[in-house]
């Protein structure tokens, strides 16, 4: 199977991260972005971005798919399919967006495009995700793209700032997706 490495939407380009993107990724992320997320260290430095890019090179299509989000020729965030299982035909969507770009529908547009990629290109049957109840922007994106909130998982994940937090759990099945 040939897998697209770029996804274009009306306003955005989602593409695989490149070595030369490391500084741009660092510039786009801030403490406000990572404070309610798990898995992203703070402070976020160039070596973290380089590790992210190298992991993508090693695991693209095996364990997941990472994309930088480009808006007006600038990297403003990242969106990924993680925990990818070709056998089980499912994955987890995760994302972050630079604070200056919140509230403009950008992440909703990117997430819809990634769901289409998941269900059409990869032929997945289910995509799931999670968001902190305090991370209103993230769970609103998940609601807007048609994912169903199934439950709240108590003390489910460790934030980047070392705090154990609850998480809303979401999922969407292929037949429920309307692009």
C-alpha atoms as a PDB file:
ATOM      1  CA  UNK A   1       0.000   0.000   0.000  1.00  0.00           C
ATOM      2  CA  UNK A   2       1.321   3.446  -0.931  1.00  0.00           C
ATOM      3  CA  UNK A   3       0.636   5.926   1.841  1.00  0.00           C
ATOM      4  CA  UNK A   4       0.334   9.653   1.187  1.00  0.00           C
ATOM      5  CA  UNK A   5       2.914  11.720   3.022  1.00  0.00           C
ATOM      6  CA  UNK A   6       1.034  14.980   2.505  1.00  0.00           C
ATOM      7  CA  UNK A   7      -2.589  15.899   3.068  1.00  0.00           C
ATOM      8  CA  UNK A   8      -3.972  19.156   1.673  1.00  0.00           C
ATOM      9  CA  UNK A   9      -7.088  20.909   2.919  1.00  0.00           C
ATOM     10  CA  UNK A  10      -8.636  24.246   2.013  1.00  0.00           C
ATOM     11  CA  UNK A  11      -6.200  26.205   4.228  1.00  0.00           C
ATOM     12  CA  UNK A  12      -3.635  23.684   5.448  1.00  0.00           C
ATOM     13  CA  UNK A  13      -0.875  21.359   4.421  1.00  0.00           C
ATOM     14  CA  UNK A  14      -0.228  18.367   6.664  1.00  0.00           C
ATOM     15  CA  UNK A  15       3.087  16.703   5.852  1.00  0.00           C
ATOM     16  CA  UNK A  16       5.661  14.454   7.453  1.00  0.00           C
ATOM     17  CA  UNK A  17       8.147  16.313   9.629  1.00  0.00           C
ATOM     18  CA  UNK A  18      11.619  16.862   8.179  1.00  0.00           C
ATOM     19  CA  UNK A  19      14.980  17.295   9.900  1.00  0.00           C
ATOM     20  CA  UNK A  20      15.015  21.005   9.064  1.00  0.00           C
ATOM     21  CA  UNK A  21      11.641  21.452  10.831  1.00  0.00           C
ATOM     22  CA  UNK A  22      13.040  20.984  14.352  1.00  0.00           C
ATOM     23  CA  UNK A  23      13.549  24.689  15.192  1.00  0.00           C
ATOM     24  CA  UNK A  24      10.147  25.586  13.701  1.00  0.00           C
ATOM     25  CA  UNK A  25       8.405  22.962  15.826  1.00  0.00           C
ATOM     26  CA  UNK A  26      10.121  24.305  18.958  1.00  0.00           C
ATOM     27  CA  UNK A  27       9.025  27.848  18.047  1.00  0.00           C
ATOM     28  CA  UNK A  28       5.382  26.784  17.649  1.00  0.00           C
ATOM     29  CA  UNK A  29       4.993  25.036  21.004  1.00  0.00           C
ATOM     30  CA  UNK A  30       4.618  26.757  24.372  1.00  0.00           C
ATOM     31  CA  UNK A  31       3.950  25.917  28.011  1.00  0.00           C
ATOM     32  CA  UNK A  32       0.294  26.848  27.462  1.00  0.00           C
ATOM     33  CA  UNK A  33       0.118  24.151  24.793  1.00  0.00           C
ATOM     34  CA  UNK A  34       1.704  21.312  26.799  1.00  0.00           C
ATOM     35  CA  UNK A  35       0.360  22.062  30.276  1.00  0.00           C
ATOM     36  CA  UNK A  36      -2.599  19.670  29.906  1.00  0.00           C
ATOM     37  CA  UNK A  37      -1.011  17.162  27.547  1.00  0.00           C
ATOM     38  CA  UNK A  38       0.854  13.953  28.163  1.00  0.00           C
ATOM     39  CA  UNK A  39       3.989  12.873  26.401  1.00  0.00           C
ATOM     40  CA  UNK A  40       5.408  16.277  25.472  1.00  0.00           C
ATOM     41  CA  UNK A  41       8.229  17.471  27.730  1.00  0.00           C
ATOM     42  CA  UNK A  42       8.531  21.013  29.038  1.00  0.00           C
ATOM     43  CA  UNK A  43      10.604  22.958  28.394  1.00  0.00           C
ATOM     44  CA  UNK A  44      10.518  21.693  24.818  1.00  0.00           C
ATOM     45  CA  UNK A  45      13.927  21.970  23.149  1.00  0.00           C
ATOM     46  CA  UNK A  46      15.429  21.277  19.738  1.00  0.00           C
ATOM     47  CA  UNK A  47      16.638  17.816  20.819  1.00  0.00           C
ATOM     48  CA  UNK A  48      13.013  16.894  21.647  1.00  0.00           C
ATOM     49  CA  UNK A  49      11.869  17.983  18.182  1.00  0.00           C
ATOM     50  CA  UNK A  50      14.775  16.111  16.581  1.00  0.00           C
ATOM     51  CA  UNK A  51      13.831  12.963  18.535  1.00  0.00           C
ATOM     52  CA  UNK A  52      10.204  13.357  17.365  1.00  0.00           C
ATOM     53  CA  UNK A  53      11.371  13.625  13.737  1.00  0.00           C
ATOM     54  CA  UNK A  54      13.745  10.650  14.041  1.00  0.00           C
ATOM     55  CA  UNK A  55      11.051   8.490  15.639  1.00  0.00           C
ATOM     56  CA  UNK A  56       8.776   9.374  12.749  1.00  0.00           C
ATOM     57  CA  UNK A  57      11.470   8.293  10.260  1.00  0.00           C
ATOM     58  CA  UNK A  58      11.882   4.964  12.060  1.00  0.00           C
ATOM     59  CA  UNK A  59       8.223   4.144  12.746  1.00  0.00           C
ATOM     60  CA  UNK A  60       6.249   5.806   9.894  1.00  0.00           C
ATOM     61  CA  UNK A  61       3.504   3.400   8.908  1.00  0.00           C
ATOM     62  CA  UNK A  62       4.479   0.809  11.502  1.00  0.00           C
ATOM     63  CA  UNK A  63       3.420   2.428  14.780  1.00  0.00           C
ATOM     64  CA  UNK A  64       1.893   5.652  13.566  1.00  0.00           C
ATOM     65  CA  UNK A  65       1.884   8.665  11.281  1.00  0.00           C
ATOM     66  CA  UNK A  66       3.063  12.157  12.279  1.00  0.00           C
ATOM     67  CA  UNK A  67       2.316  15.343  10.380  1.00  0.00           C
ATOM     68  CA  UNK A  68       3.311  18.957  10.912  1.00  0.00           C
ATOM     69  CA  UNK A  69       0.493  21.434  10.324  1.00  0.00           C
ATOM     70  CA  UNK A  70       1.426  24.214   7.926  1.00  0.00           C
ATOM     71  CA  UNK A  71      -0.718  27.349   7.661  1.00  0.00           C
ATOM     72  CA  UNK A  72       0.327  30.286   5.520  1.00  0.00           C
ATOM     73  CA  UNK A  73       3.708  28.560   4.937  1.00  0.00           C
ATOM     74  CA  UNK A  74       4.439  28.326   8.682  1.00  0.00           C
ATOM     75  CA  UNK A  75       4.555  25.268  10.957  1.00  0.00           C
ATOM     76  CA  UNK A  76       1.953  25.919  13.650  1.00  0.00           C
ATOM     77  CA  UNK A  77       1.406  22.498  15.215  1.00  0.00           C
ATOM     78  CA  UNK A  78       1.421  18.740  14.825  1.00  0.00           C
ATOM     79  CA  UNK A  79      -1.193  16.031  14.409  1.00  0.00           C
ATOM     80  CA  UNK A  80      -0.580  12.305  14.640  1.00  0.00           C
ATOM     81  CA  UNK A  81      -2.046   8.864  14.463  1.00  0.00           C
ATOM     82  CA  UNK A  82      -0.485   6.899  17.315  1.00  0.00           C
ATOM     83  CA  UNK A  83      -0.894   3.325  18.544  1.00  0.00           C
ATOM     84  CA  UNK A  84      -1.563   2.338  14.923  1.00  0.00           C
ATOM     85  CA  UNK A  85      -2.500  -1.291  14.389  1.00  0.00           C
ATOM     86  CA  UNK A  86      -2.859  -2.477  10.813  1.00  0.00           C
ATOM     87  CA  UNK A  87      -4.110  -5.832  12.100  1.00  0.00           C
ATOM     88  CA  UNK A  88      -6.792  -4.348  14.383  1.00  0.00           C
ATOM     89  CA  UNK A  89      -7.382  -1.481  11.894  1.00  0.00           C
ATOM     90  CA  UNK A  90      -7.434   1.280  14.486  1.00  0.00           C
ATOM     91  CA  UNK A  91      -5.333   4.141  15.826  1.00  0.00           C
ATOM     92  CA  UNK A  92      -5.380   7.040  18.262  1.00  0.00           C
ATOM     93  CA  UNK A  93      -5.427  10.657  17.097  1.00  0.00           C
ATOM     94  CA  UNK A  94      -3.390  13.241  18.994  1.00  0.00           C
ATOM     95  CA  UNK A  95      -2.631  16.875  18.246  1.00  0.00           C
ATOM     96  CA  UNK A  96      -1.370  20.225  19.431  1.00  0.00           C
ATOM     97  CA  UNK A  97      -1.589  23.714  17.954  1.00  0.00           C
ATOM     98  CA  UNK A  98       0.362  26.883  18.678  1.00  0.00           C
ATOM     99  CA  UNK A  99      -1.603  29.208  20.960  1.00  0.00           C
ATOM    100  CA  UNK A 100      -1.724  32.053  18.412  1.00  0.00           C
ATOM    101  CA  UNK A 101      -3.860  29.825  16.169  1.00  0.00           C
ATOM    102  CA  UNK A 102      -6.475  28.646  18.692  1.00  0.00           C
ATOM    103  CA  UNK A 103     -10.122  29.414  17.980  1.00  0.00           C
ATOM    104  CA  UNK A 104      -9.814  29.639  14.178  1.00  0.00           C
ATOM    105  CA  UNK A 105     -11.089  26.177  13.234  1.00  0.00           C
ATOM    106  CA  UNK A 106      -7.605  25.118  12.149  1.00  0.00           C
ATOM    107  CA  UNK A 107      -7.361  22.014  14.306  1.00  0.00           C
ATOM    108  CA  UNK A 108     -10.890  20.944  13.413  1.00  0.00           C
ATOM    109  CA  UNK A 109      -9.926  21.178   9.723  1.00  0.00           C
ATOM    110  CA  UNK A 110      -6.703  19.221  10.295  1.00  0.00           C
ATOM    111  CA  UNK A 111      -8.420  16.554  12.418  1.00  0.00           C
ATOM    112  CA  UNK A 112     -11.178  16.004   9.838  1.00  0.00           C
ATOM    113  CA  UNK A 113      -8.499  15.556   7.172  1.00  0.00           C
ATOM    114  CA  UNK A 114      -6.650  13.042   9.339  1.00  0.00           C
ATOM    115  CA  UNK A 115      -9.859  11.095   9.971  1.00  0.00           C
ATOM    116  CA  UNK A 116     -10.448  10.932   6.216  1.00  0.00           C
ATOM    117  CA  UNK A 117      -6.855   9.715   5.759  1.00  0.00           C
ATOM    118  CA  UNK A 118      -7.501   7.109   8.496  1.00  0.00           C
ATOM    119  CA  UNK A 119     -10.713   5.724   7.053  1.00  0.00           C
ATOM    120  CA  UNK A 120     -10.085   6.106   3.311  1.00  0.00           C
ATOM    121  CA  UNK A 121      -6.323   5.708   2.833  1.00  0.00           C
ATOM    122  CA  UNK A 122      -5.589   3.330   5.722  1.00  0.00           C
ATOM    123  CA  UNK A 123      -9.013   1.629   5.784  1.00  0.00           C
ATOM    124  CA  UNK A 124      -9.194   1.804   9.573  1.00  0.00           C
ATOM    125  CA  UNK A 125     -12.437   0.821  11.277  1.00  0.00           C
ATOM    126  CA  UNK A 126     -11.988   2.917  14.431  1.00  0.00           C
ATOM    127  CA  UNK A 127     -10.085   5.971  15.633  1.00  0.00           C
ATOM    128  CA  UNK A 128     -10.001   6.912  19.300  1.00  0.00           C
ATOM    129  CA  UNK A 129      -8.621   9.800  21.313  1.00  0.00           C
ATOM    130  CA  UNK A 130      -8.553  11.387  24.718  1.00  0.00           C
ATOM    131  CA  UNK A 131      -8.555  14.873  26.169  1.00  0.00           C
ATOM    132  CA  UNK A 132      -8.337  16.371  29.611  1.00  0.00           C
ATOM    133  CA  UNK A 133     -11.658  17.775  30.847  1.00  0.00           C
ATOM    134  CA  UNK A 134      -9.659  20.981  31.457  1.00  0.00           C
ATOM    135  CA  UNK A 135      -8.504  21.070  27.826  1.00  0.00           C
ATOM    136  CA  UNK A 136     -11.732  22.532  26.465  1.00  0.00           C
ATOM    137  CA  UNK A 137     -10.290  23.313  23.015  1.00  0.00           C
ATOM    138  CA  UNK A 138      -9.226  19.707  22.419  1.00  0.00           C
ATOM    139  CA  UNK A 139     -12.483  18.088  23.433  1.00  0.00           C
ATOM    140  CA  UNK A 140     -14.433  20.647  21.405  1.00  0.00           C
ATOM    141  CA  UNK A 141     -12.386  19.626  18.340  1.00  0.00           C
ATOM    142  CA  UNK A 142     -13.166  15.956  19.016  1.00  0.00           C
ATOM    143  CA  UNK A 143     -16.877  16.792  19.371  1.00  0.00           C
ATOM    144  CA  UNK A 144     -16.880  18.840  16.137  1.00  0.00           C
ATOM    145  CA  UNK A 145     -15.295  16.065  14.056  1.00  0.00           C
ATOM    146  CA  UNK A 146     -18.029  13.648  15.116  1.00  0.00           C
ATOM    147  CA  UNK A 147     -16.234  11.600  17.746  1.00  0.00           C
ATOM    148  CA  UNK A 148     -18.368  10.273  20.610  1.00  0.00           C
ATOM    149  CA  UNK A 149     -17.351  10.856  24.210  1.00  0.00           C
ATOM    150  CA  UNK A 150     -17.747   7.466  25.844  1.00  0.00           C
ATOM    151  CA  UNK A 151     -16.516   7.996  29.381  1.00  0.00           C
ATOM    152  CA  UNK A 152     -14.229   9.810  31.751  1.00  0.00           C
ATOM    153  CA  UNK A 153     -11.203   7.787  32.782  1.00  0.00           C
ATOM    154  CA  UNK A 154     -10.044   8.795  36.263  1.00  0.00           C
ATOM    155  CA  UNK A 155      -6.350   9.612  36.797  1.00  0.00           C
ATOM    156  CA  UNK A 156      -5.604   8.175  33.356  1.00  0.00           C
ATOM    157  CA  UNK A 157      -2.573  10.084  32.148  1.00  0.00           C
ATOM    158  CA  UNK A 158       0.453  11.957  33.391  1.00  0.00           C
ATOM    159  CA  UNK A 159       0.685  15.504  32.047  1.00  0.00           C
ATOM    160  CA  UNK A 160       3.924  16.915  30.702  1.00  0.00           C
ATOM    161  CA  UNK A 161       4.152  18.899  33.930  1.00  0.00           C
ATOM    162  CA  UNK A 162       3.999  15.735  36.073  1.00  0.00           C
ATOM    163  CA  UNK A 163       0.363  15.812  37.189  1.00  0.00           C
ATOM    164  CA  UNK A 164      -1.957  12.794  37.069  1.00  0.00           C
ATOM    165  CA  UNK A 165      -5.194  13.856  35.340  1.00  0.00           C
ATOM    166  CA  UNK A 166      -8.569  12.514  34.283  1.00  0.00           C
ATOM    167  CA  UNK A 167      -9.271  12.036  30.583  1.00  0.00           C
ATOM    168  CA  UNK A 168     -12.379  12.047  28.412  1.00  0.00           C
ATOM    169  CA  UNK A 169     -12.244   9.024  26.089  1.00  0.00           C
ATOM    170  CA  UNK A 170     -13.580   9.413  22.541  1.00  0.00           C
ATOM    171  CA  UNK A 171     -14.016   7.193  19.498  1.00  0.00           C
ATOM    172  CA  UNK A 172     -15.486   7.187  16.010  1.00  0.00           C
ATOM    173  CA  UNK A 173     -16.159   4.265  13.703  1.00  0.00           C
ATOM    174  CA  UNK A 174     -15.604   4.383   9.963  1.00  0.00           C
ATOM    175  CA  UNK A 175     -19.334   4.160   9.221  1.00  0.00           C
ATOM    176  CA  UNK A 176     -20.017   7.128  11.512  1.00  0.00           C
ATOM    177  CA  UNK A 177     -17.571   9.443   9.749  1.00  0.00           C
ATOM    178  CA  UNK A 178     -19.063  12.081   7.457  1.00  0.00           C
ATOM    179  CA  UNK A 179     -16.415  14.106   5.665  1.00  0.00           C
END
